[in-house]
């Protein structure tokens, strides 16, 4: 069976990427089924024409069972997941057993996601990254925009890269904001958009800061890849940032053409970088 004929299970969080993946499946005639995460996935995307089931985060076991019933062969986890409420976390029986089994491995985003992959693959399903289905979403190396980083911005990117890699090693976050050599903020549980907004209150006079967003050094490419989109550009502009540096070949850009157009409008740079290499 060719990969594009294997039924795709989509675990859908928030944002527009789940819808893009659904549209891709329709266009390529690939069979699919969606588990939409309550409180995260956009209900407007899931009408009667989309085969799906709504589940809470705590109902992962129920979701696995449904995937098996639907004959799913490959699974993609995509979209943003907000910090869950206590009611969201109330587990079904299988999920209770899952958390009991992984124990302390649940500490940190990557630890629990890696354990979740093993649980899915124990059901004879293969977990894949969205880049394996839609490789065009991964950012290329080099400048995407008309504006390019100057000497100060390059120094800020180098500093931010150093800090972001250290954060990633600790499984803390993916993003850092640096201005004129000063680290204005690092990403925690709040996510990149809130980090950018928070740093807007700390900006200094002179050249604006830079957002650096990298994949964590030990992060599985199949889960939680760094992602930017139009909202990222808007927030960065509103917070006085002058550019964004993202991990080439490891970051998803949603609606790249629109992202570039908006960044050009604001005279911001967006550049794909490889840590440790000279920016072209």
Protein backbone atom coordinates (compact mmCIF):
# COMPACT_ATOMS: atom_id res chain seq x y z
CA UNK A 1 0.00 0.00 0.00
CA UNK A 2 1.36 3.44 -0.98
CA UNK A 3 1.73 5.97 1.85
CA UNK A 4 -0.90 8.26 0.33
CA UNK A 5 -3.42 5.38 0.44
CA UNK A 6 -2.88 4.60 4.14
CA UNK A 7 -5.74 6.00 6.22
CA UNK A 8 -4.55 9.04 8.18
CA UNK A 9 -5.64 9.73 11.73
CA UNK A 10 -5.45 13.43 12.62
CA UNK A 11 -5.30 14.50 16.28
CA UNK A 12 -6.36 18.12 15.84
CA UNK A 13 -5.62 20.99 18.18
CA UNK A 14 -6.17 24.68 17.47
CA UNK A 15 -5.06 26.87 14.58
CA UNK A 16 -5.48 26.49 10.84
CA UNK A 17 -2.97 23.71 10.14
CA UNK A 18 -5.45 20.90 10.93
CA UNK A 19 -7.79 22.36 8.31
CA UNK A 20 -4.92 22.62 5.81
CA UNK A 21 -4.14 18.95 6.41
CA UNK A 22 -7.78 17.96 5.94
CA UNK A 23 -7.91 19.92 2.67
CA UNK A 24 -4.69 18.20 1.55
CA UNK A 25 -6.22 14.78 2.26
CA UNK A 26 -9.30 15.71 0.24
CA UNK A 27 -7.22 17.02 -2.64
CA UNK A 28 -5.03 13.91 -2.76
CA UNK A 29 -7.99 11.60 -2.03
CA UNK A 30 -6.25 10.18 1.01
CA UNK A 31 -8.70 8.60 3.50
CA UNK A 32 -8.66 10.21 6.95
CA UNK A 33 -10.41 10.47 10.32
CA UNK A 34 -10.06 13.30 12.85
CA UNK A 35 -10.00 13.32 16.65
CA UNK A 36 -10.79 16.96 17.47
CA UNK A 37 -9.61 18.12 20.91
CA UNK A 38 -12.35 19.96 22.78
CA UNK A 39 -11.50 23.51 23.81
CA UNK A 40 -8.72 23.67 21.20
CA UNK A 41 -9.84 22.64 17.71
CA UNK A 42 -12.04 25.14 15.86
CA UNK A 43 -15.61 23.80 15.66
CA UNK A 44 -16.17 25.74 12.44
CA UNK A 45 -13.82 23.31 10.66
CA UNK A 46 -15.74 20.16 11.55
CA UNK A 47 -19.06 19.85 9.77
CA UNK A 48 -20.91 16.71 8.64
CA UNK A 49 -18.56 16.37 5.67
CA UNK A 50 -15.53 15.82 7.91
CA UNK A 51 -15.33 12.35 9.52
CA UNK A 52 -14.49 13.15 13.14
CA UNK A 53 -15.09 12.66 16.84
CA UNK A 54 -14.70 15.23 19.62
CA UNK A 55 -12.69 14.15 22.67
CA UNK A 56 -11.25 15.73 25.79
CA UNK A 57 -7.50 15.52 26.38
CA UNK A 58 -8.22 12.96 29.09
CA UNK A 59 -9.99 10.68 26.62
CA UNK A 60 -6.90 9.61 24.69
CA UNK A 61 -7.72 5.96 25.30
CA UNK A 62 -11.17 6.42 23.80
CA UNK A 63 -9.56 8.11 20.81
CA UNK A 64 -7.10 5.28 20.20
CA UNK A 65 -9.99 2.81 20.19
CA UNK A 66 -11.87 4.89 17.61
CA UNK A 67 -8.80 5.11 15.37
CA UNK A 68 -8.51 1.32 15.45
CA UNK A 69 -12.19 0.95 14.57
CA UNK A 70 -11.74 3.37 11.66
CA UNK A 71 -8.79 1.40 10.28
CA UNK A 72 -6.28 4.24 10.76
CA UNK A 73 -2.71 3.32 9.77
CA UNK A 74 -0.81 6.62 10.19
CA UNK A 75 -1.33 9.30 12.86
CA UNK A 76 -0.43 13.01 12.80
CA UNK A 77 -0.67 15.20 15.91
CA UNK A 78 -1.01 18.83 14.87
CA UNK A 79 -2.32 22.14 16.19
CA UNK A 80 -2.00 24.11 19.41
CA UNK A 81 -3.13 22.70 22.74
CA UNK A 82 -4.01 25.17 25.49
CA UNK A 83 -3.31 24.45 29.13
CA UNK A 84 -6.14 22.06 30.09
CA UNK A 85 -8.67 22.54 32.86
CA UNK A 86 -9.17 19.90 35.55
CA UNK A 87 -12.33 18.68 33.82
CA UNK A 88 -10.38 18.27 30.57
CA UNK A 89 -7.87 16.06 32.37
CA UNK A 90 -10.34 13.65 33.96
CA UNK A 91 -9.07 10.43 32.35
CA UNK A 92 -10.90 7.47 30.90
CA UNK A 93 -9.76 4.05 32.14
CA UNK A 94 -7.13 3.54 29.48
CA UNK A 95 -5.66 7.00 29.94
CA UNK A 96 -5.48 6.40 33.71
CA UNK A 97 -3.42 3.28 33.02
CA UNK A 98 -1.25 5.26 30.59
CA UNK A 99 -0.35 7.92 33.17
CA UNK A 100 0.29 5.27 35.82
CA UNK A 101 2.69 3.53 33.45
CA UNK A 102 4.73 6.56 32.34
CA UNK A 103 5.01 8.06 35.84
CA UNK A 104 7.71 10.73 36.04
CA UNK A 105 8.19 10.66 32.27
CA UNK A 106 5.15 12.94 32.14
CA UNK A 107 7.37 15.77 33.38
CA UNK A 108 8.04 18.06 30.40
CA UNK A 109 6.19 18.38 27.11
CA UNK A 110 8.46 16.10 25.12
CA UNK A 111 8.49 13.32 27.71
CA UNK A 112 4.73 12.86 27.69
CA UNK A 113 4.52 13.18 23.89
CA UNK A 114 7.19 10.54 23.35
CA UNK A 115 5.32 8.21 25.69
CA UNK A 116 2.10 8.94 23.80
CA UNK A 117 3.78 8.00 20.52
CA UNK A 118 4.83 4.65 21.97
CA UNK A 119 1.25 4.03 23.13
CA UNK A 120 -0.16 4.78 19.68
CA UNK A 121 2.45 2.64 17.94
CA UNK A 122 1.65 -0.25 20.31
CA UNK A 123 -1.70 -0.33 18.48
CA UNK A 124 0.16 -1.00 15.20
CA UNK A 125 -0.36 2.56 13.98
CA UNK A 126 2.56 4.67 12.73
CA UNK A 127 3.05 8.20 14.07
CA UNK A 128 4.37 10.58 11.40
CA UNK A 129 5.09 14.29 11.21
CA UNK A 130 3.00 16.67 9.14
CA UNK A 131 6.17 17.47 7.17
CA UNK A 132 6.06 13.89 5.88
CA UNK A 133 2.62 14.60 4.42
CA UNK A 134 3.06 18.29 3.51
CA UNK A 135 6.82 18.98 3.23
CA UNK A 136 6.13 22.38 1.66
CA UNK A 137 5.26 23.73 5.13
CA UNK A 138 8.87 23.56 6.33
CA UNK A 139 10.78 26.84 6.07
CA UNK A 140 13.83 27.03 3.81
CA UNK A 141 17.21 28.44 4.79
CA UNK A 142 17.93 32.12 4.13
CA UNK A 143 15.92 35.34 4.00
CA UNK A 144 12.26 35.03 3.03
CA UNK A 145 11.58 38.76 3.06
CA UNK A 146 12.88 41.91 1.41
CA UNK A 147 14.36 43.10 4.70
CA UNK A 148 17.44 41.29 5.98
CA UNK A 149 19.09 41.26 9.43
CA UNK A 150 21.84 43.86 9.90
CA UNK A 151 24.95 43.50 12.08
CA UNK A 152 23.11 44.14 15.36
CA UNK A 153 20.27 41.79 14.42
CA UNK A 154 22.77 39.07 13.52
CA UNK A 155 24.39 39.46 16.94
CA UNK A 156 20.95 39.24 18.60
CA UNK A 157 20.15 36.10 16.58
CA UNK A 158 23.45 34.51 17.66
CA UNK A 159 22.71 35.32 21.31
CA UNK A 160 19.12 34.10 21.03
CA UNK A 161 20.22 30.88 19.36
CA UNK A 162 22.60 30.16 22.22
CA UNK A 163 19.85 30.72 24.82
CA UNK A 164 17.15 28.85 22.87
CA UNK A 165 19.34 25.75 22.52
CA UNK A 166 19.95 25.74 26.29
CA UNK A 167 16.20 26.08 26.92
CA UNK A 168 15.53 23.26 24.51
CA UNK A 169 17.99 20.96 26.24
CA UNK A 170 15.97 21.46 29.43
CA UNK A 171 12.64 20.87 27.58
CA UNK A 172 11.39 24.33 28.60
CA UNK A 173 10.50 26.23 25.42
CA UNK A 174 11.41 27.02 21.83
CA UNK A 175 11.49 30.81 21.68
CA UNK A 176 13.60 33.72 22.93
CA UNK A 177 13.37 37.48 22.36
CA UNK A 178 16.64 39.41 22.29
CA UNK A 179 17.18 43.15 21.80
CA UNK A 180 20.61 44.73 21.50
CA UNK A 181 22.19 41.73 23.20
CA UNK A 182 19.71 41.70 26.10
CA UNK A 183 17.38 38.73 26.61
CA UNK A 184 13.95 40.33 27.05
CA UNK A 185 12.17 37.04 27.63
CA UNK A 186 12.15 33.27 27.16
CA UNK A 187 9.20 31.04 26.38
CA UNK A 188 7.59 29.05 29.17
CA UNK A 189 4.15 27.50 29.37
CA UNK A 190 2.48 30.63 27.97
CA UNK A 191 3.56 30.00 24.36
CA UNK A 192 5.23 32.18 21.74
CA UNK A 193 2.43 34.69 21.18
CA UNK A 194 2.20 35.58 24.87
CA UNK A 195 6.00 35.76 25.10
CA UNK A 196 6.04 38.31 22.27
CA UNK A 197 3.28 40.40 23.89
CA UNK A 198 5.04 40.31 27.27
CA UNK A 199 8.35 41.45 25.77
CA UNK A 200 6.63 44.45 24.20
CA UNK A 201 6.60 45.98 27.66
CA UNK A 202 10.33 45.48 28.12
CA UNK A 203 11.63 46.85 24.82
CA UNK A 204 14.43 49.43 24.92
CA UNK A 205 14.99 52.51 22.80
CA UNK A 206 16.73 52.04 19.49
CA UNK A 207 16.73 49.06 17.16
CA UNK A 208 13.91 46.62 17.90
CA UNK A 209 14.34 43.09 19.17
CA UNK A 210 14.36 39.76 17.38
CA UNK A 211 12.32 36.60 18.01
CA UNK A 212 14.39 33.42 17.70
CA UNK A 213 12.40 30.18 17.50
CA UNK A 214 14.17 26.79 17.25
CA UNK A 215 13.33 23.12 17.47
CA UNK A 216 14.58 21.65 20.75
CA UNK A 217 17.82 19.66 20.28
CA UNK A 218 16.27 16.31 21.25
CA UNK A 219 12.77 17.04 19.98
CA UNK A 220 11.05 14.43 17.84
CA UNK A 221 10.32 15.90 14.40
CA UNK A 222 6.90 14.26 14.48
CA UNK A 223 5.52 16.34 17.33
CA UNK A 224 5.16 20.00 18.30
CA UNK A 225 7.42 21.48 15.63
CA UNK A 226 8.04 25.24 15.96
CA UNK A 227 5.36 27.11 14.03
CA UNK A 228 4.75 30.70 12.94
CA UNK A 229 1.97 32.34 11.00
CA UNK A 230 0.28 35.68 10.33
CA UNK A 231 -0.59 36.08 14.02
CA UNK A 232 3.10 35.79 14.90
CA UNK A 233 3.97 38.61 12.51
CA UNK A 234 1.18 40.84 13.84
CA UNK A 235 2.19 40.27 17.45
CA UNK A 236 5.87 40.84 16.67
CA UNK A 237 5.08 44.12 14.90
CA UNK A 238 2.82 45.31 17.73
CA UNK A 239 5.56 44.58 20.26
CA UNK A 240 8.18 46.51 18.31
CA UNK A 241 10.22 43.57 17.06
CA UNK A 242 12.01 44.02 13.77
CA UNK A 243 12.54 40.45 12.75
CA UNK A 244 12.08 36.73 13.29
CA UNK A 245 14.70 33.99 12.94
CA UNK A 246 13.37 30.44 12.66
CA UNK A 247 14.95 27.00 12.40
CA UNK A 248 15.35 26.15 8.69
CA UNK A 249 14.00 22.74 7.77
CA UNK A 250 12.53 22.37 11.26
CA UNK A 251 9.85 25.09 11.49
CA UNK A 252 6.38 25.17 9.98
CA UNK A 253 5.21 28.38 8.30
CA UNK A 254 1.44 28.58 7.95
CA UNK A 255 0.33 30.49 4.84
CA UNK A 256 3.92 31.39 3.95
CA UNK A 257 2.97 33.72 1.09
CA UNK A 258 0.71 35.79 3.38
CA UNK A 259 3.33 35.76 6.16
CA UNK A 260 5.99 37.14 3.81
CA UNK A 261 3.63 39.76 2.38
CA UNK A 262 2.69 41.02 5.86
CA UNK A 263 6.30 41.03 7.06
CA UNK A 264 7.29 43.04 3.97
CA UNK A 265 4.50 45.50 4.72
CA UNK A 266 5.93 46.05 8.20
CA UNK A 267 9.52 46.07 6.87
CA UNK A 268 10.33 43.12 9.15
CA UNK A 269 12.72 40.33 8.26
CA UNK A 270 11.97 36.62 8.46
CA UNK A 271 14.99 34.37 8.04
CA UNK A 272 15.48 30.62 8.15
CA UNK A 273 18.65 29.76 10.08
CA UNK A 274 20.68 26.68 10.90
CA UNK A 275 22.22 27.00 14.38
CA UNK A 276 25.98 27.38 14.15
CA UNK A 277 26.03 28.32 10.47
CA UNK A 278 26.50 31.75 8.89
CA UNK A 279 23.22 33.38 7.87
CA UNK A 280 22.97 33.85 4.12
